[in-house]
Amino acid sequence: MQYLVSVIDDGTGRDDPEEQAAIDVFNERLKAGGNWVFAGGLGVPGTATTVDNRAGAGLITDGPFVETKEYLIGFWIIEAPDLDVALRLAGEGSRACNRKTEVRPFL
């Protein structure tokens, strides 16, 4: 089963070379263990554009729709046999990137 592991940032400005190295090591462990599907980092909320075309509205606005102190800064898509394994891997990812993670199964 595939899981989305979201990385939640609180804007404290971390992301130093040590964290990047730890993330690289974690990514290599995911690949070696057959859990790797895809991963990516995201720009800060100020780089976002919101598109709302419900009912043909065609609205495009700068920035995120919601203002919050925490935001999605990156993610992993992993393959795991069950939620317990996904949570263990998310915990390792949280430690590597020094941020909270959230786990959701794909439907």
PDB file of N, CA and C in Angstrom:
ATOM      1  N   MET A   1       0.850  -1.178   0.000  1.00  0.00           N
ATOM      2  CA  MET A   1       0.000   0.000   0.000  1.00  0.00           C
ATOM      3  C   MET A   1       0.893   1.237   0.000  1.00  0.00           C
ATOM      4  N   GLN A   2       0.423   2.286  -0.649  1.00  0.00           N
ATOM      5  CA  GLN A   2       1.185   3.530  -0.686  1.00  0.00           C
ATOM      6  C   GLN A   2       0.629   4.529   0.321  1.00  0.00           C
ATOM      7  N   TYR A   3       1.555   5.301   0.888  1.00  0.00           N
ATOM      8  CA  TYR A   3       1.219   6.315   1.890  1.00  0.00           C
ATOM      9  C   TYR A   3       1.874   7.632   1.513  1.00  0.00           C
ATOM     10  N   LEU A   4       1.177   8.715   1.807  1.00  0.00           N
ATOM     11  CA  LEU A   4       1.733  10.049   1.694  1.00  0.00           C
ATOM     12  C   LEU A   4       2.244  10.443   3.067  1.00  0.00           C
ATOM     13  N   VAL A   5       3.521  10.765   3.146  1.00  0.00           N
ATOM     14  CA  VAL A   5       4.109  11.266   4.387  1.00  0.00           C
ATOM     15  C   VAL A   5       4.387  12.745   4.160  1.00  0.00           C
ATOM     16  N   SER A   6       3.547  13.597   4.734  1.00  0.00           N
ATOM     17  CA  SER A   6       3.681  15.046   4.578  1.00  0.00           C
ATOM     18  C   SER A   6       4.646  15.583   5.617  1.00  0.00           C
ATOM     19  N   VAL A   7       5.485  16.511   5.203  1.00  0.00           N
ATOM     20  CA  VAL A   7       6.431  17.161   6.111  1.00  0.00           C
ATOM     21  C   VAL A   7       5.865  18.536   6.441  1.00  0.00           C
ATOM     22  N   ILE A   8       5.664  18.785   7.726  1.00  0.00           N
ATOM     23  CA  ILE A   8       5.035  20.017   8.196  1.00  0.00           C
ATOM     24  C   ILE A   8       6.101  20.952   8.769  1.00  0.00           C
ATOM     25  N   ASP A   9       6.165  22.151   8.237  1.00  0.00           N
ATOM     26  CA  ASP A   9       7.139  23.147   8.700  1.00  0.00           C
ATOM     27  C   ASP A   9       6.424  24.210   9.519  1.00  0.00           C
ATOM     28  N   ASP A  10       7.132  24.775  10.481  1.00  0.00           N
ATOM     29  CA  ASP A  10       6.540  25.822  11.309  1.00  0.00           C
ATOM     30  C   ASP A  10       7.208  27.175  11.095  1.00  0.00           C
ATOM     31  N   GLY A  11       7.998  27.280  10.035  1.00  0.00           N
ATOM     32  CA  GLY A  11       8.598  28.558   9.688  1.00  0.00           C
ATOM     33  C   GLY A  11       9.747  28.986  10.568  1.00  0.00           C
ATOM     34  N   THR A  12      10.366  28.061  11.297  1.00  0.00           N
ATOM     35  CA  THR A  12      11.452  28.436  12.202  1.00  0.00           C
ATOM     36  C   THR A  12      12.784  28.592  11.489  1.00  0.00           C
ATOM     37  N   GLY A  13      12.804  28.341  10.177  1.00  0.00           N
ATOM     38  CA  GLY A  13      14.007  28.617   9.407  1.00  0.00           C
ATOM     39  C   GLY A  13      15.077  27.545   9.471  1.00  0.00           C
ATOM     40  N   ARG A  14      14.744  26.349   9.925  1.00  0.00           N
ATOM     41  CA  ARG A  14      15.735  25.276   9.900  1.00  0.00           C
ATOM     42  C   ARG A  14      16.007  24.885   8.465  1.00  0.00           C
ATOM     43  N   ASP A  15      16.723  23.894   8.214  1.00  0.00           N
ATOM     44  CA  ASP A  15      17.085  23.363   6.907  1.00  0.00           C
ATOM     45  C   ASP A  15      18.557  23.650   6.659  1.00  0.00           C
ATOM     46  N   ASP A  16      19.354  23.163   7.571  1.00  0.00           N
ATOM     47  CA  ASP A  16      20.788  23.362   7.459  1.00  0.00           C
ATOM     48  C   ASP A  16      21.422  22.166   6.752  1.00  0.00           C
ATOM     49  N   PRO A  17      22.707  22.243   6.434  1.00  0.00           N
ATOM     50  CA  PRO A  17      23.368  21.149   5.729  1.00  0.00           C
ATOM     51  C   PRO A  17      23.291  19.802   6.465  1.00  0.00           C
ATOM     52  N   GLU A  18      23.304  19.812   7.782  1.00  0.00           N
ATOM     53  CA  GLU A  18      23.184  18.559   8.539  1.00  0.00           C
ATOM     54  C   GLU A  18      21.830  17.904   8.283  1.00  0.00           C
ATOM     55  N   GLU A  19      20.758  18.697   8.274  1.00  0.00           N
ATOM     56  CA  GLU A  19      19.428  18.158   7.992  1.00  0.00           C
ATOM     57  C   GLU A  19      19.359  17.614   6.568  1.00  0.00           C
ATOM     58  N   GLN A  20      19.912  18.333   5.624  1.00  0.00           N
ATOM     59  CA  GLN A  20      19.907  17.868   4.238  1.00  0.00           C
ATOM     60  C   GLN A  20      20.647  16.538   4.111  1.00  0.00           C
ATOM     61  N   ALA A  21      21.774  16.415   4.803  1.00  0.00           N
ATOM     62  CA  ALA A  21      22.534  15.161   4.771  1.00  0.00           C
ATOM     63  C   ALA A  21      21.726  14.029   5.397  1.00  0.00           C
ATOM     64  N   ALA A  22      21.041  14.303   6.502  1.00  0.00           N
ATOM     65  CA  ALA A  22      20.224  13.283   7.165  1.00  0.00           C
ATOM     66  C   ALA A  22      19.059  12.857   6.270  1.00  0.00           C
ATOM     67  N   ILE A  23      18.466  13.804   5.555  1.00  0.00           N
ATOM     68  CA  ILE A  23      17.376  13.487   4.633  1.00  0.00           C
ATOM     69  C   ILE A  23      17.903  12.614   3.492  1.00  0.00           C
ATOM     70  N   ASP A  24      19.076  12.937   2.975  1.00  0.00           N
ATOM     71  CA  ASP A  24      19.672  12.128   1.911  1.00  0.00           C
ATOM     72  C   ASP A  24      19.908  10.690   2.375  1.00  0.00           C
ATOM     73  N   VAL A  25      20.411  10.533   3.598  1.00  0.00           N
ATOM     74  CA  VAL A  25      20.636   9.192   4.152  1.00  0.00           C
ATOM     75  C   VAL A  25      19.313   8.455   4.296  1.00  0.00           C
ATOM     76  N   PHE A  26      18.282   9.141   4.808  1.00  0.00           N
ATOM     77  CA  PHE A  26      16.962   8.524   4.958  1.00  0.00           C
ATOM     78  C   PHE A  26      16.411   8.110   3.593  1.00  0.00           C
ATOM     79  N   ASN A  27      16.535   8.977   2.592  1.00  0.00           N
ATOM     80  CA  ASN A  27      16.057   8.648   1.242  1.00  0.00           C
ATOM     81  C   ASN A  27      16.748   7.393   0.704  1.00  0.00           C
ATOM     82  N   GLU A  28      18.041   7.289   0.929  1.00  0.00           N
ATOM     83  CA  GLU A  28      18.776   6.106   0.474  1.00  0.00           C
ATOM     84  C   GLU A  28      18.300   4.851   1.194  1.00  0.00           C
ATOM     85  N   ARG A  29      17.975   4.970   2.491  1.00  0.00           N
ATOM     86  CA  ARG A  29      17.434   3.813   3.233  1.00  0.00           C
ATOM     87  C   ARG A  29      16.076   3.402   2.675  1.00  0.00           C
ATOM     88  N   LEU A  30      15.237   4.394   2.340  1.00  0.00           N
ATOM     89  CA  LEU A  30      13.943   4.070   1.730  1.00  0.00           C
ATOM     90  C   LEU A  30      14.136   3.317   0.418  1.00  0.00           C
ATOM     91  N   LYS A  31      15.063   3.791  -0.397  1.00  0.00           N
ATOM     92  CA  LYS A  31      15.320   3.138  -1.681  1.00  0.00           C
ATOM     93  C   LYS A  31      15.848   1.720  -1.480  1.00  0.00           C
ATOM     94  N   ALA A  32      16.805   1.567  -0.574  1.00  0.00           N
ATOM     95  CA  ALA A  32      17.399   0.250  -0.325  1.00  0.00           C
ATOM     96  C   ALA A  32      16.377  -0.732   0.234  1.00  0.00           C
ATOM     97  N   GLY A  33      15.419  -0.232   1.011  1.00  0.00           N
ATOM     98  CA  GLY A  33      14.410  -1.089   1.621  1.00  0.00           C
ATOM     99  C   GLY A  33      13.200  -1.344   0.743  1.00  0.00           C
ATOM    100  N   GLY A  34      13.187  -0.769  -0.457  1.00  0.00           N
ATOM    101  CA  GLY A  34      12.061  -0.966  -1.358  1.00  0.00           C
ATOM    102  C   GLY A  34      10.831  -0.152  -0.989  1.00  0.00           C
ATOM    103  N   ASN A  35      10.995   0.880  -0.150  1.00  0.00           N
ATOM    104  CA  ASN A  35       9.870   1.709   0.284  1.00  0.00           C
ATOM    105  C   ASN A  35       9.733   2.998  -0.521  1.00  0.00           C
ATOM    106  N   TRP A  36      10.745   3.349  -1.276  1.00  0.00           N
ATOM    107  CA  TRP A  36      10.771   4.613  -2.005  1.00  0.00           C
ATOM    108  C   TRP A  36       9.820   4.573  -3.200  1.00  0.00           C
ATOM    109  N   VAL A  37       8.983   5.589  -3.337  1.00  0.00           N
ATOM    110  CA  VAL A  37       8.192   5.794  -4.544  1.00  0.00           C
ATOM    111  C   VAL A  37       8.570   7.144  -5.144  1.00  0.00           C
ATOM    112  N   PHE A  38       8.464   8.213  -4.336  1.00  0.00           N
ATOM    113  CA  PHE A  38       8.756   9.566  -4.816  1.00  0.00           C
ATOM    114  C   PHE A  38       8.859  10.488  -3.617  1.00  0.00           C
ATOM    115  N   ALA A  39       9.601  11.563  -3.752  1.00  0.00           N
ATOM    116  CA  ALA A  39       9.680  12.574  -2.697  1.00  0.00           C
ATOM    117  C   ALA A  39       9.921  13.930  -3.346  1.00  0.00           C
ATOM    118  N   GLY A  40       9.579  14.980  -2.628  1.00  0.00           N
ATOM    119  CA  GLY A  40       9.825  16.317  -3.139  1.00  0.00           C
ATOM    120  C   GLY A  40       9.678  17.366  -2.059  1.00  0.00           C
ATOM    121  N   GLY A  41      10.397  18.449  -2.241  1.00  0.00           N
ATOM    122  CA  GLY A  41      10.266  19.604  -1.363  1.00  0.00           C
ATOM    123  C   GLY A  41       9.410  20.649  -2.058  1.00  0.00           C
ATOM    124  N   LEU A  42       8.805  21.507  -1.272  1.00  0.00           N
ATOM    125  CA  LEU A  42       7.919  22.540  -1.804  1.00  0.00           C
ATOM    126  C   LEU A  42       8.393  23.920  -1.387  1.00  0.00           C
ATOM    127  N   GLY A  43       8.057  24.912  -2.188  1.00  0.00           N
ATOM    128  CA  GLY A  43       8.353  26.290  -1.825  1.00  0.00           C
ATOM    129  C   GLY A  43       7.494  26.731  -0.647  1.00  0.00           C
ATOM    130  N   VAL A  44       7.891  27.811  -0.010  1.00  0.00           N
ATOM    131  CA  VAL A  44       7.132  28.351   1.123  1.00  0.00           C
ATOM    132  C   VAL A  44       5.778  28.862   0.638  1.00  0.00           C
ATOM    133  N   PRO A  45       4.809  29.032   1.534  1.00  0.00           N
ATOM    134  CA  PRO A  45       3.463  29.428   1.117  1.00  0.00           C
ATOM    135  C   PRO A  45       3.414  30.697   0.261  1.00  0.00           C
ATOM    136  N   GLY A  46       4.324  31.613   0.476  1.00  0.00           N
ATOM    137  CA  GLY A  46       4.326  32.850  -0.299  1.00  0.00           C
ATOM    138  C   GLY A  46       4.569  32.630  -1.785  1.00  0.00           C
ATOM    139  N   THR A  47       5.047  31.441  -2.163  1.00  0.00           N
ATOM    140  CA  THR A  47       5.291  31.141  -3.576  1.00  0.00           C
ATOM    141  C   THR A  47       4.095  30.455  -4.224  1.00  0.00           C
ATOM    142  N   ALA A  48       3.040  30.215  -3.451  1.00  0.00           N
ATOM    143  CA  ALA A  48       1.877  29.478  -3.945  1.00  0.00           C
ATOM    144  C   ALA A  48       0.927  30.372  -4.740  1.00  0.00           C
ATOM    145  N   THR A  49       0.170  29.740  -5.616  1.00  0.00           N
ATOM    146  CA  THR A  49      -0.944  30.375  -6.315  1.00  0.00           C
ATOM    147  C   THR A  49      -2.153  29.477  -6.139  1.00  0.00           C
ATOM    148  N   THR A  50      -3.273  30.045  -5.742  1.00  0.00           N
ATOM    149  CA  THR A  50      -4.504  29.285  -5.547  1.00  0.00           C
ATOM    150  C   THR A  50      -5.390  29.453  -6.770  1.00  0.00           C
ATOM    151  N   VAL A  51      -5.864  28.318  -7.297  1.00  0.00           N
ATOM    152  CA  VAL A  51      -6.744  28.313  -8.463  1.00  0.00           C
ATOM    153  C   VAL A  51      -8.090  27.751  -8.022  1.00  0.00           C
ATOM    154  N   ASP A  52      -9.172  28.498  -8.260  1.00  0.00           N
ATOM    155  CA  ASP A  52     -10.522  28.052  -7.924  1.00  0.00           C
ATOM    156  C   ASP A  52     -11.399  28.170  -9.158  1.00  0.00           C
ATOM    157  N   ASN A  53     -11.644  27.026  -9.783  1.00  0.00           N
ATOM    158  CA  ASN A  53     -12.478  27.033 -10.987  1.00  0.00           C
ATOM    159  C   ASN A  53     -13.776  26.278 -10.750  1.00  0.00           C
ATOM    160  N   ARG A  54     -14.196  26.227  -9.478  1.00  0.00           N
ATOM    161  CA  ARG A  54     -15.496  25.606  -9.188  1.00  0.00           C
ATOM    162  C   ARG A  54     -16.578  26.437  -9.858  1.00  0.00           C
ATOM    163  N   ALA A  55     -17.507  25.755 -10.457  1.00  0.00           N
ATOM    164  CA  ALA A  55     -18.631  26.405 -11.141  1.00  0.00           C
ATOM    165  C   ALA A  55     -18.151  27.426 -12.174  1.00  0.00           C
ATOM    166  N   GLY A  56     -16.938  27.182 -12.750  1.00  0.00           N
ATOM    167  CA  GLY A  56     -16.431  28.063 -13.791  1.00  0.00           C
ATOM    168  C   GLY A  56     -15.997  29.427 -13.315  1.00  0.00           C
ATOM    169  N   ALA A  57     -15.709  29.562 -12.016  1.00  0.00           N
ATOM    170  CA  ALA A  57     -15.350  30.869 -11.454  1.00  0.00           C
ATOM    171  C   ALA A  57     -14.050  31.411 -12.040  1.00  0.00           C
ATOM    172  N   GLY A  58     -13.082  30.531 -12.291  1.00  0.00           N
ATOM    173  CA  GLY A  58     -11.826  30.961 -12.887  1.00  0.00           C
ATOM    174  C   GLY A  58     -11.030  31.942 -12.056  1.00  0.00           C
ATOM    175  N   LEU A  59     -11.035  31.788 -10.739  1.00  0.00           N
ATOM    176  CA  LEU A  59     -10.307  32.707  -9.866  1.00  0.00           C
ATOM    177  C   LEU A  59      -8.885  32.218  -9.626  1.00  0.00           C
ATOM    178  N   ILE A  60      -7.922  33.105  -9.803  1.00  0.00           N
ATOM    179  CA  ILE A  60      -6.521  32.807  -9.531  1.00  0.00           C
ATOM    180  C   ILE A  60      -6.016  33.893  -8.599  1.00  0.00           C
ATOM    181  N   THR A  61      -5.506  33.473  -7.430  1.00  0.00           N
ATOM    182  CA  THR A  61      -5.016  34.441  -6.446  1.00  0.00           C
ATOM    183  C   THR A  61      -3.634  34.030  -5.966  1.00  0.00           C
ATOM    184  N   ASP A  62      -2.821  35.008  -5.646  1.00  0.00           N
ATOM    185  CA  ASP A  62      -1.492  34.742  -5.105  1.00  0.00           C
ATOM    186  C   ASP A  62      -1.598  34.207  -3.692  1.00  0.00           C
ATOM    187  N   GLY A  63      -0.692  33.312  -3.374  1.00  0.00           N
ATOM    188  CA  GLY A  63      -0.586  32.813  -2.011  1.00  0.00           C
ATOM    189  C   GLY A  63      -1.578  31.719  -1.697  1.00  0.00           C
ATOM    190  N   PRO A  64      -1.435  31.155  -0.515  1.00  0.00           N
ATOM    191  CA  PRO A  64      -2.344  30.080  -0.093  1.00  0.00           C
ATOM    192  C   PRO A  64      -3.699  30.644   0.298  1.00  0.00           C
ATOM    193  N   PHE A  65      -4.706  29.785   0.269  1.00  0.00           N
ATOM    194  CA  PHE A  65      -6.051  30.201   0.660  1.00  0.00           C
ATOM    195  C   PHE A  65      -6.138  30.440   2.164  1.00  0.00           C
ATOM    196  N   VAL A  66      -5.451  29.623   2.934  1.00  0.00           N
ATOM    197  CA  VAL A  66      -5.534  29.708   4.391  1.00  0.00           C
ATOM    198  C   VAL A  66      -4.213  30.199   4.946  1.00  0.00           C
ATOM    199  N   GLU A  67      -4.252  31.065   5.929  1.00  0.00           N
ATOM    200  CA  GLU A  67      -3.032  31.476   6.612  1.00  0.00           C
ATOM    201  C   GLU A  67      -2.876  30.638   7.862  1.00  0.00           C
ATOM    202  N   THR A  68      -1.675  30.129   8.066  1.00  0.00           N
ATOM    203  CA  THR A  68      -1.414  29.265   9.197  1.00  0.00           C
ATOM    204  C   THR A  68       0.059  29.360   9.575  1.00  0.00           C
ATOM    205  N   LYS A  69       0.380  28.997  10.794  1.00  0.00           N
ATOM    206  CA  LYS A  69       1.773  29.003  11.227  1.00  0.00           C
ATOM    207  C   LYS A  69       2.508  27.767  10.739  1.00  0.00           C
ATOM    208  N   GLU A  70       1.781  26.707  10.445  1.00  0.00           N
ATOM    209  CA  GLU A  70       2.386  25.484   9.943  1.00  0.00           C
ATOM    210  C   GLU A  70       1.915  25.244   8.516  1.00  0.00           C
ATOM    211  N   TYR A  71       2.796  24.693   7.705  1.00  0.00           N
ATOM    212  CA  TYR A  71       2.441  24.467   6.314  1.00  0.00           C
ATOM    213  C   TYR A  71       3.225  23.292   5.758  1.00  0.00           C
ATOM    214  N   LEU A  72       2.726  22.741   4.661  1.00  0.00           N
ATOM    215  CA  LEU A  72       3.363  21.631   3.978  1.00  0.00           C
ATOM    216  C   LEU A  72       4.608  22.131   3.265  1.00  0.00           C
ATOM    217  N   ILE A  73       5.764  21.541   3.591  1.00  0.00           N
ATOM    218  CA  ILE A  73       7.030  21.971   2.983  1.00  0.00           C
ATOM    219  C   ILE A  73       7.644  20.883   2.104  1.00  0.00           C
ATOM    220  N   GLY A  74       7.130  19.668   2.225  1.00  0.00           N
ATOM    221  CA  GLY A  74       7.654  18.577   1.413  1.00  0.00           C
ATOM    222  C   GLY A  74       6.877  17.304   1.693  1.00  0.00           C
ATOM    223  N   PHE A  75       7.274  16.231   1.017  1.00  0.00           N
ATOM    224  CA  PHE A  75       6.537  14.979   1.188  1.00  0.00           C
ATOM    225  C   PHE A  75       7.359  13.811   0.682  1.00  0.00           C
ATOM    226  N   TRP A  76       6.996  12.655   1.152  1.00  0.00           N
ATOM    227  CA  TRP A  76       7.457  11.381   0.615  1.00  0.00           C
ATOM    228  C   TRP A  76       6.212  10.593   0.238  1.00  0.00           C
ATOM    229  N   ILE A  77       6.286   9.866  -0.836  1.00  0.00           N
ATOM    230  CA  ILE A  77       5.300   8.834  -1.131  1.00  0.00           C
ATOM    231  C   ILE A  77       6.053   7.527  -0.956  1.00  0.00           C
ATOM    232  N   ILE A  78       5.561   6.716  -0.034  1.00  0.00           N
ATOM    233  CA  ILE A  78       6.270   5.489   0.293  1.00  0.00           C
ATOM    234  C   ILE A  78       5.382   4.280   0.050  1.00  0.00           C
ATOM    235  N   GLU A  79       6.018   3.153  -0.102  1.00  0.00           N
ATOM    236  CA  GLU A  79       5.349   1.861  -0.205  1.00  0.00           C
ATOM    237  C   GLU A  79       5.627   1.138   1.109  1.00  0.00           C
ATOM    238  N   ALA A  80       4.566   0.682   1.762  1.00  0.00           N
ATOM    239  CA  ALA A  80       4.720  -0.042   3.026  1.00  0.00           C
ATOM    240  C   ALA A  80       3.638  -1.117   3.104  1.00  0.00           C
ATOM    241  N   PRO A  81       3.943  -2.249   3.729  1.00  0.00           N
ATOM    242  CA  PRO A  81       2.961  -3.329   3.795  1.00  0.00           C
ATOM    243  C   PRO A  81       1.766  -3.008   4.685  1.00  0.00           C
ATOM    244  N   ASP A  82       1.957  -2.092   5.645  1.00  0.00           N
ATOM    245  CA  ASP A  82       0.858  -1.741   6.538  1.00  0.00           C
ATOM    246  C   ASP A  82       1.138  -0.403   7.211  1.00  0.00           C
ATOM    247  N   LEU A  83       0.152   0.084   7.954  1.00  0.00           N
ATOM    248  CA  LEU A  83       0.265   1.388   8.607  1.00  0.00           C
ATOM    249  C   LEU A  83       1.380   1.418   9.638  1.00  0.00           C
ATOM    250  N   ASP A  84       1.600   0.324  10.349  1.00  0.00           N
ATOM    251  CA  ASP A  84       2.662   0.304  11.361  1.00  0.00           C
ATOM    252  C   ASP A  84       4.027   0.592  10.738  1.00  0.00           C
ATOM    253  N   VAL A  85       4.304  -0.023   9.608  1.00  0.00           N
ATOM    254  CA  VAL A  85       5.575   0.216   8.921  1.00  0.00           C
ATOM    255  C   VAL A  85       5.616   1.653   8.418  1.00  0.00           C
ATOM    256  N   ALA A  86       4.519   2.139   7.858  1.00  0.00           N
ATOM    257  CA  ALA A  86       4.473   3.519   7.368  1.00  0.00           C
ATOM    258  C   ALA A  86       4.739   4.512   8.502  1.00  0.00           C
ATOM    259  N   LEU A  87       4.169   4.260   9.677  1.00  0.00           N
ATOM    260  CA  LEU A  87       4.381   5.155  10.813  1.00  0.00           C
ATOM    261  C   LEU A  87       5.825   5.108  11.299  1.00  0.00           C
ATOM    262  N   ARG A  88       6.416   3.916  11.289  1.00  0.00           N
ATOM    263  CA  ARG A  88       7.825   3.798  11.694  1.00  0.00           C
ATOM    264  C   ARG A  88       8.710   4.592  10.734  1.00  0.00           C
ATOM    265  N   LEU A  89       8.455   4.435   9.433  1.00  0.00           N
ATOM    266  CA  LEU A  89       9.236   5.170   8.443  1.00  0.00           C
ATOM    267  C   LEU A  89       9.011   6.681   8.560  1.00  0.00           C
ATOM    268  N   ALA A  90       7.766   7.087   8.809  1.00  0.00           N
ATOM    269  CA  ALA A  90       7.470   8.516   8.989  1.00  0.00           C
ATOM    270  C   ALA A  90       8.204   9.070  10.205  1.00  0.00           C
ATOM    271  N   GLY A  91       8.328   8.259  11.240  1.00  0.00           N
ATOM    272  CA  GLY A  91       9.089   8.683  12.420  1.00  0.00           C
ATOM    273  C   GLY A  91      10.555   8.882  12.095  1.00  0.00           C
ATOM    274  N   GLU A  92      11.113   7.983  11.291  1.00  0.00           N
ATOM    275  CA  GLU A  92      12.501   8.133  10.877  1.00  0.00           C
ATOM    276  C   GLU A  92      12.671   9.373   9.998  1.00  0.00           C
ATOM    277  N   GLY A  93      11.699   9.619   9.119  1.00  0.00           N
ATOM    278  CA  GLY A  93      11.743  10.818   8.280  1.00  0.00           C
ATOM    279  C   GLY A  93      11.631  12.091   9.100  1.00  0.00           C
ATOM    280  N   SER A  94      10.776  12.062  10.120  1.00  0.00           N
ATOM    281  CA  SER A  94      10.617  13.211  11.009  1.00  0.00           C
ATOM    282  C   SER A  94      11.933  13.542  11.708  1.00  0.00           C
ATOM    283  N   ARG A  95      12.607  12.501  12.163  1.00  0.00           N
ATOM    284  CA  ARG A  95      13.898  12.700  12.831  1.00  0.00           C
ATOM    285  C   ARG A  95      14.914  13.264  11.846  1.00  0.00           C
ATOM    286  N   ALA A  96      14.928  12.724  10.615  1.00  0.00           N
ATOM    287  CA  ALA A  96      15.911  13.156   9.626  1.00  0.00           C
ATOM    288  C   ALA A  96      15.738  14.618   9.232  1.00  0.00           C
ATOM    289  N   CYS A  97      14.497  15.053   9.026  1.00  0.00           N
ATOM    290  CA  CYS A  97      14.278  16.433   8.564  1.00  0.00           C
ATOM    291  C   CYS A  97      13.993  17.403   9.711  1.00  0.00           C
ATOM    292  N   ASN A  98      13.891  16.887  10.926  1.00  0.00           N
ATOM    293  CA  ASN A  98      13.679  17.720  12.114  1.00  0.00           C
ATOM    294  C   ASN A  98      12.372  18.512  12.026  1.00  0.00           C
ATOM    295  N   ARG A  99      11.338  17.832  11.529  1.00  0.00           N
ATOM    296  CA  ARG A  99      10.014  18.443  11.419  1.00  0.00           C
ATOM    297  C   ARG A  99       8.953  17.376  11.690  1.00  0.00           C
ATOM    298  N   LYS A 100       7.731  17.812  11.958  1.00  0.00           N
ATOM    299  CA  LYS A 100       6.622  16.876  12.128  1.00  0.00           C
ATOM    300  C   LYS A 100       6.273  16.271  10.785  1.00  0.00           C
ATOM    301  N   THR A 101       5.730  15.053  10.831  1.00  0.00           N
ATOM    302  CA  THR A 101       5.204  14.435   9.614  1.00  0.00           C
ATOM    303  C   THR A 101       3.771  13.979   9.866  1.00  0.00           C
ATOM    304  N   GLU A 102       3.028  13.866   8.788  1.00  0.00           N
ATOM    305  CA  GLU A 102       1.654  13.360   8.840  1.00  0.00           C
ATOM    306  C   GLU A 102       1.547  12.232   7.823  1.00  0.00           C
ATOM    307  N   VAL A 103       0.913  11.135   8.197  1.00  0.00           N
ATOM    308  CA  VAL A 103       0.809   9.962   7.329  1.00  0.00           C
ATOM    309  C   VAL A 103      -0.635   9.764   6.907  1.00  0.00           C
ATOM    310  N   ARG A 104      -0.839   9.567   5.587  1.00  0.00           N
ATOM    311  CA  ARG A 104      -2.175   9.258   5.064  1.00  0.00           C
ATOM    312  C   ARG A 104      -2.048   8.176   4.010  1.00  0.00           C
ATOM    313  N   PRO A 105      -2.933   7.177   4.059  1.00  0.00           N
ATOM    314  CA  PRO A 105      -2.914   6.161   3.006  1.00  0.00           C
ATOM    315  C   PRO A 105      -3.556   6.706   1.741  1.00  0.00           C
ATOM    316  N   PHE A 106      -3.051   6.251   0.591  1.00  0.00           N
ATOM    317  CA  PHE A 106      -3.730   6.548  -0.661  1.00  0.00           C
ATOM    318  C   PHE A 106      -4.967   5.673  -0.747  1.00  0.00           C
ATOM    319  N   LEU A 107      -6.026   6.180  -1.318  1.00  0.00           N
ATOM    320  CA  LEU A 107      -7.261   5.413  -1.466  1.00  0.00           C
ATOM    321  C   LEU A 107      -7.205   4.539  -2.700  1.00  0.00           C
TER     322      LEU A 107
END
